[in-house]
N, C-alpha and C. Protein backbone atom coordinates (compact mmCIF):
# COMPACT_ATOMS: atom_id res chain seq x y z
N MET A 1 121.94 95.57 74.37
CA MET A 1 123.12 95.98 75.05
C MET A 1 122.89 97.31 75.77
N ALA A 2 122.49 98.38 75.18
CA ALA A 2 121.98 99.64 75.67
C ALA A 2 120.93 99.44 76.66
N GLN A 3 120.07 98.48 76.62
CA GLN A 3 118.97 98.47 77.53
C GLN A 3 119.60 97.81 78.79
N HIS A 4 120.42 96.82 78.85
CA HIS A 4 121.13 96.16 79.98
C HIS A 4 121.77 97.30 80.72
N GLN A 5 122.61 98.18 80.12
CA GLN A 5 123.04 99.05 80.87
C GLN A 5 122.33 100.17 81.53
N THR A 6 121.28 100.30 80.94
CA THR A 6 120.35 101.23 81.54
C THR A 6 119.69 100.63 82.84
N VAL A 7 119.43 99.39 82.84
CA VAL A 7 118.77 98.62 83.73
C VAL A 7 119.92 98.52 85.19
N SER A 8 120.88 98.05 84.83
CA SER A 8 122.06 97.78 85.82
C SER A 8 122.34 99.20 86.41
N ASN A 9 122.33 100.22 85.77
CA ASN A 9 122.88 101.71 86.43
C ASN A 9 121.63 102.38 86.92
N GLY A 10 120.51 102.05 86.68
CA GLY A 10 119.37 102.58 87.03
C GLY A 10 118.96 102.36 88.52
N HIS A 11 118.00 103.05 88.88
CA HIS A 11 117.69 103.07 90.38
C HIS A 11 117.16 101.62 90.66
N GLY A 12 116.28 101.15 89.79
CA GLY A 12 115.84 99.69 90.20
C GLY A 12 116.84 98.50 90.09
N GLY A 13 117.89 98.91 89.54
CA GLY A 13 118.78 97.59 89.34
C GLY A 13 119.34 97.14 90.83
N HIS A 14 119.98 96.00 90.57
CA HIS A 14 120.49 95.43 92.00
C HIS A 14 121.67 96.10 92.39
N ASN A 15 122.52 96.54 91.60
CA ASN A 15 123.64 97.27 91.98
C ASN A 15 123.59 98.77 91.51
N GLY A 16 122.63 99.44 91.83
CA GLY A 16 122.51 100.92 91.52
C GLY A 16 123.77 101.85 92.08
N GLY A 17 123.94 102.67 91.15
CA GLY A 17 125.01 103.44 91.39
C GLY A 17 125.05 104.34 92.76
N HIS A 18 123.79 104.74 93.38
CA HIS A 18 123.86 105.48 94.60
C HIS A 18 124.34 104.85 95.80
N GLY A 19 124.40 103.52 95.98
CA GLY A 19 125.01 102.79 97.01
C GLY A 19 124.11 102.66 98.08
N GLY A 20 122.71 103.20 98.01
CA GLY A 20 121.83 102.91 99.09
C GLY A 20 121.21 101.57 98.87
N GLY A 21 120.77 101.10 100.17
CA GLY A 21 120.37 99.76 100.38
C GLY A 21 118.91 99.74 100.12
N HIS A 22 118.31 98.75 99.29
CA HIS A 22 117.05 98.66 99.13
C HIS A 22 116.52 97.13 99.79
N GLY A 23 115.49 97.23 100.47
CA GLY A 23 114.91 96.08 101.01
C GLY A 23 114.66 94.96 100.15
N SER A 24 114.47 93.83 100.49
CA SER A 24 113.86 92.78 99.71
C SER A 24 112.47 92.68 99.85
N LEU A 25 111.79 91.89 98.92
CA LEU A 25 110.53 91.53 99.00
C LEU A 25 110.11 91.20 100.21
N LYS A 26 110.70 90.21 100.89
CA LYS A 26 110.43 89.49 102.15
C LYS A 26 110.31 90.61 103.16
N SER A 27 111.17 91.76 103.23
CA SER A 27 111.37 92.50 104.35
C SER A 27 110.07 93.65 103.99
N TYR A 28 109.83 93.92 102.85
CA TYR A 28 108.81 94.91 102.73
C TYR A 28 107.58 94.17 103.18
N VAL A 29 107.28 92.79 102.76
CA VAL A 29 106.14 92.24 103.24
C VAL A 29 105.96 92.01 104.80
N ILE A 30 107.13 91.81 105.47
CA ILE A 30 107.03 91.79 106.94
C ILE A 30 106.64 93.20 107.48
N GLY A 31 107.50 94.32 106.88
CA GLY A 31 106.96 95.45 107.41
C GLY A 31 105.72 95.88 107.19
N PHE A 32 105.09 95.56 106.10
CA PHE A 32 103.52 95.84 105.71
C PHE A 32 102.68 95.27 106.63
N ALA A 33 103.05 93.83 106.90
CA ALA A 33 102.26 93.00 107.76
C ALA A 33 102.20 93.56 109.18
N LEU A 34 103.44 93.94 109.72
CA LEU A 34 103.44 94.52 110.94
C LEU A 34 102.78 95.81 111.12
N SER A 35 102.92 96.65 110.10
CA SER A 35 102.17 97.99 110.07
C SER A 35 100.66 97.58 110.21
N ILE A 36 100.30 96.94 109.48
CA ILE A 36 98.80 96.50 109.56
C ILE A 36 98.29 96.04 110.82
N VAL A 37 99.16 95.15 111.34
CA VAL A 37 98.80 94.67 112.62
C VAL A 37 98.77 95.86 113.88
N LEU A 38 99.96 96.88 113.76
CA LEU A 38 100.08 97.79 114.59
C LEU A 38 99.08 98.79 114.45
N THR A 39 98.25 98.85 113.40
CA THR A 39 97.30 99.64 112.92
C THR A 39 96.01 99.04 113.58
N ILE A 40 95.72 97.81 113.47
CA ILE A 40 94.52 97.21 113.82
C ILE A 40 94.51 96.99 115.37
N ILE A 41 95.40 96.79 116.13
CA ILE A 41 95.42 96.77 117.45
C ILE A 41 94.68 97.93 118.06
N PRO A 42 95.20 99.12 117.83
CA PRO A 42 94.58 100.16 118.79
C PRO A 42 93.28 100.44 118.18
N LEU A 43 93.01 100.22 116.97
CA LEU A 43 91.64 100.49 116.45
C LEU A 43 90.61 99.69 117.10
N VAL A 44 90.93 98.21 117.27
CA VAL A 44 90.15 97.24 117.79
C VAL A 44 89.93 97.83 119.56
N VAL A 45 90.96 97.96 120.04
CA VAL A 45 90.90 98.38 121.48
C VAL A 45 90.20 99.63 121.69
N VAL A 46 90.39 100.70 120.71
CA VAL A 46 89.50 102.00 120.93
C VAL A 46 87.78 101.73 120.43
N MET A 47 87.73 101.08 119.63
CA MET A 47 86.37 100.90 118.81
C MET A 47 85.61 99.91 119.71
N ASN A 48 86.11 99.19 120.45
CA ASN A 48 85.27 98.21 121.36
C ASN A 48 85.25 98.52 122.80
N GLY A 49 86.20 99.71 123.16
CA GLY A 49 86.08 100.31 124.40
C GLY A 49 86.63 99.02 125.60
N MET A 50 87.66 98.40 125.13
CA MET A 50 88.16 97.31 125.97
C MET A 50 88.96 97.97 127.20
N LEU A 51 89.49 99.07 127.04
CA LEU A 51 90.20 99.37 128.29
C LEU A 51 89.76 100.83 128.62
N GLY A 52 90.16 101.21 129.98
CA GLY A 52 89.93 102.76 130.21
C GLY A 52 90.59 103.60 129.55
N ARG A 53 90.21 104.80 129.82
CA ARG A 53 91.08 106.08 129.13
C ARG A 53 92.64 105.98 128.99
N VAL A 54 93.06 105.75 130.16
CA VAL A 54 94.61 105.78 130.46
C VAL A 54 95.18 104.42 129.64
N GLY A 55 94.49 103.16 129.84
CA GLY A 55 94.80 102.08 129.01
C GLY A 55 94.83 102.21 127.63
N MET A 56 93.63 102.75 127.06
CA MET A 56 93.70 103.07 125.56
C MET A 56 94.78 104.15 125.16
N THR A 57 95.15 105.19 125.84
CA THR A 57 96.16 106.06 125.59
C THR A 57 97.47 105.36 125.48
N VAL A 58 97.74 104.41 126.33
CA VAL A 58 99.02 103.69 126.66
C VAL A 58 99.09 102.75 125.19
N VAL A 59 97.82 102.08 124.87
CA VAL A 59 97.93 101.06 123.95
C VAL A 59 98.18 101.82 122.47
N VAL A 60 97.55 103.17 122.55
CA VAL A 60 97.70 103.94 121.14
C VAL A 60 99.18 104.27 120.97
N LEU A 61 99.72 104.87 122.17
CA LEU A 61 101.18 105.49 121.99
C LEU A 61 102.13 104.50 121.69
N ALA A 62 101.97 103.43 122.51
CA ALA A 62 102.76 102.04 122.29
C ALA A 62 102.83 101.44 120.92
N ALA A 63 101.66 101.53 120.25
CA ALA A 63 101.37 100.89 118.95
C ALA A 63 102.15 101.99 117.91
N ALA A 64 101.84 103.29 118.22
CA ALA A 64 102.37 104.31 117.18
C ALA A 64 103.97 104.45 117.50
N THR A 65 104.46 103.98 118.61
CA THR A 65 105.94 103.99 118.80
C THR A 65 106.64 102.79 117.89
N LEU A 66 105.80 101.63 118.23
CA LEU A 66 106.40 100.38 117.46
C LEU A 66 106.31 100.73 116.02
N GLN A 67 105.08 101.33 115.66
CA GLN A 67 104.75 101.63 114.07
C GLN A 67 105.96 102.36 113.68
N PHE A 68 106.27 103.40 114.21
CA PHE A 68 107.61 104.29 113.89
C PHE A 68 108.79 103.45 113.72
N ILE A 69 109.13 102.52 114.59
CA ILE A 69 110.26 101.68 114.60
C ILE A 69 110.17 100.92 113.16
N VAL A 70 109.05 100.20 113.22
CA VAL A 70 108.93 99.57 112.02
C VAL A 70 109.11 100.15 110.73
N GLN A 71 108.57 101.39 110.59
CA GLN A 71 108.79 102.15 109.45
C GLN A 71 110.17 102.37 109.32
N LEU A 72 110.95 102.71 110.35
CA LEU A 72 112.49 103.11 110.16
C LEU A 72 113.24 101.89 109.77
N VAL A 73 112.84 100.76 110.24
CA VAL A 73 113.53 99.62 110.06
C VAL A 73 113.27 99.06 108.54
N PHE A 74 111.90 98.72 108.32
CA PHE A 74 111.64 98.02 106.97
C PHE A 74 111.55 98.94 105.78
N PHE A 75 111.07 100.16 106.09
CA PHE A 75 110.85 101.07 104.91
C PHE A 75 111.86 102.19 104.59
N MET A 76 112.58 102.61 105.85
CA MET A 76 113.67 103.71 105.54
C MET A 76 115.08 102.93 105.43
N HIS A 77 115.11 101.54 105.82
CA HIS A 77 116.50 100.78 105.73
C HIS A 77 117.33 101.62 106.84
N ILE A 78 117.08 101.71 107.90
CA ILE A 78 118.03 102.71 108.93
C ILE A 78 119.06 101.64 109.17
N ARG A 79 119.00 100.49 109.13
CA ARG A 79 120.02 99.64 109.53
C ARG A 79 121.07 99.27 108.25
N GLU A 80 120.41 99.30 107.14
CA GLU A 80 121.23 98.84 105.91
C GLU A 80 122.16 99.87 105.37
N GLU A 81 122.30 101.21 105.67
CA GLU A 81 123.06 102.21 105.15
C GLU A 81 124.48 102.17 105.46
N GLU A 82 125.28 102.36 104.35
CA GLU A 82 126.76 102.00 104.61
C GLU A 82 127.36 103.23 105.48
N LYS A 83 126.81 104.46 105.46
CA LYS A 83 127.38 105.36 106.17
C LYS A 83 126.64 105.70 107.52
N PRO A 84 127.34 105.61 108.62
CA PRO A 84 126.47 105.83 109.90
C PRO A 84 125.90 107.22 109.96
N ARG A 85 126.63 108.06 109.57
CA ARG A 85 126.23 109.62 109.74
C ARG A 85 124.75 109.65 109.30
N TYR A 86 124.43 109.15 108.18
CA TYR A 86 123.11 109.36 107.44
C TYR A 86 122.00 108.52 108.51
N ASN A 87 122.55 107.28 109.00
CA ASN A 87 121.51 106.84 109.87
C ASN A 87 121.26 107.39 111.00
N LEU A 88 122.31 108.20 111.56
CA LEU A 88 122.17 108.88 112.85
C LEU A 88 121.27 110.35 112.59
N MET A 89 121.42 110.82 111.40
CA MET A 89 120.77 111.83 110.98
C MET A 89 119.13 111.47 110.74
N ALA A 90 119.05 110.48 110.10
CA ALA A 90 117.55 109.85 109.89
C ALA A 90 116.79 109.52 111.28
N LEU A 91 117.70 109.01 112.04
CA LEU A 91 117.11 108.63 113.39
C LEU A 91 116.75 109.68 114.28
N LEU A 92 117.46 110.71 114.40
CA LEU A 92 117.41 111.95 115.00
C LEU A 92 116.10 112.69 114.55
N LEU A 93 116.06 112.88 113.14
CA LEU A 93 114.93 113.58 112.54
C LEU A 93 113.53 112.79 112.98
N GLY A 94 113.75 111.33 112.88
CA GLY A 94 112.59 110.47 113.03
C GLY A 94 112.18 110.65 114.83
N ILE A 95 112.99 110.78 115.48
CA ILE A 95 112.82 110.97 116.99
C ILE A 95 112.20 112.30 117.11
N LEU A 96 112.82 113.28 116.44
CA LEU A 96 112.07 114.81 116.59
C LEU A 96 110.52 114.57 116.22
N LEU A 97 110.35 114.11 114.80
CA LEU A 97 109.05 113.86 114.38
C LEU A 97 108.13 113.33 115.36
N LEU A 98 108.56 112.02 115.99
CA LEU A 98 107.88 111.08 116.80
C LEU A 98 107.50 112.12 117.88
N LEU A 99 108.42 112.76 118.57
CA LEU A 99 108.25 113.35 119.88
C LEU A 99 107.18 114.61 119.57
N THR A 100 107.23 115.10 118.31
CA THR A 100 106.40 116.17 117.96
C THR A 100 104.96 115.74 117.91
N ILE A 101 104.76 114.60 117.24
CA ILE A 101 103.39 114.04 117.02
C ILE A 101 102.73 113.54 118.34
N VAL A 102 103.77 113.01 119.17
CA VAL A 102 103.07 112.34 120.38
C VAL A 102 102.84 113.34 121.34
N ILE A 103 103.70 114.34 121.56
CA ILE A 103 103.42 115.55 122.50
C ILE A 103 102.07 116.43 121.93
N GLY A 104 102.26 116.60 120.67
CA GLY A 104 101.05 117.43 120.17
C GLY A 104 99.84 116.66 120.16
N SER A 105 99.68 115.30 120.10
CA SER A 105 98.58 114.62 120.10
C SER A 105 98.09 114.42 121.65
N ILE A 106 99.15 114.40 122.57
CA ILE A 106 98.55 114.50 123.86
C ILE A 106 97.86 115.82 124.15
N TRP A 107 98.66 116.89 123.73
CA TRP A 107 98.14 118.26 124.10
C TRP A 107 96.76 118.59 123.39
N ILE A 108 96.54 118.03 122.37
CA ILE A 108 95.42 118.19 121.58
C ILE A 108 94.30 117.64 122.31
N MET A 109 94.40 116.21 122.89
CA MET A 109 93.60 115.48 123.39
C MET A 109 93.21 116.14 124.88
N SER A 110 94.15 116.62 125.42
CA SER A 110 93.82 117.26 126.83
C SER A 110 93.23 118.59 126.67
N MET A 111 93.42 119.27 125.56
CA MET A 111 92.74 120.53 125.40
C MET A 111 91.47 120.47 124.79
N ASN A 112 90.87 119.20 124.33
CA ASN A 112 89.93 119.07 123.55
C ASN A 112 88.63 119.24 124.39
N VAL A 113 87.91 120.31 124.40
CA VAL A 113 86.83 120.71 125.41
C VAL A 113 85.63 119.83 124.85
N VAL A 114 85.42 119.56 123.72
CA VAL A 114 84.32 118.51 123.24
C VAL A 114 84.01 117.35 123.98
N ALA A 115 85.35 116.66 124.11
CA ALA A 115 85.61 115.32 124.60
C ALA A 115 85.34 115.33 126.37
N HIS A 116 85.52 116.28 126.84
CA HIS A 116 85.25 116.10 128.27
C HIS A 116 83.93 116.16 128.70
């Protein structure tokens, strides 16, 4: 009896007390598969030199942006939260982090003297 109450009120229970949504196994598998694909595509393009410099940059940035969206939807459950304020704050933080990473990466790539 006591063990049942611990499971039903704990973090791993289906009806946890914090009200936050957890994804299903299917959504985690789909998110993981999409993350792997979005990691492999730019890796293959860059390692095989399939595109020019601008094309590679566009593919890497597009894959990174899609990867970010996959992380938000499948692992951070941005669409499943009951309170929209938290969704907005998480999305704004994610966009800020995304812009910092993308702009910082472009700046580092353009200032890299060894690559030129």
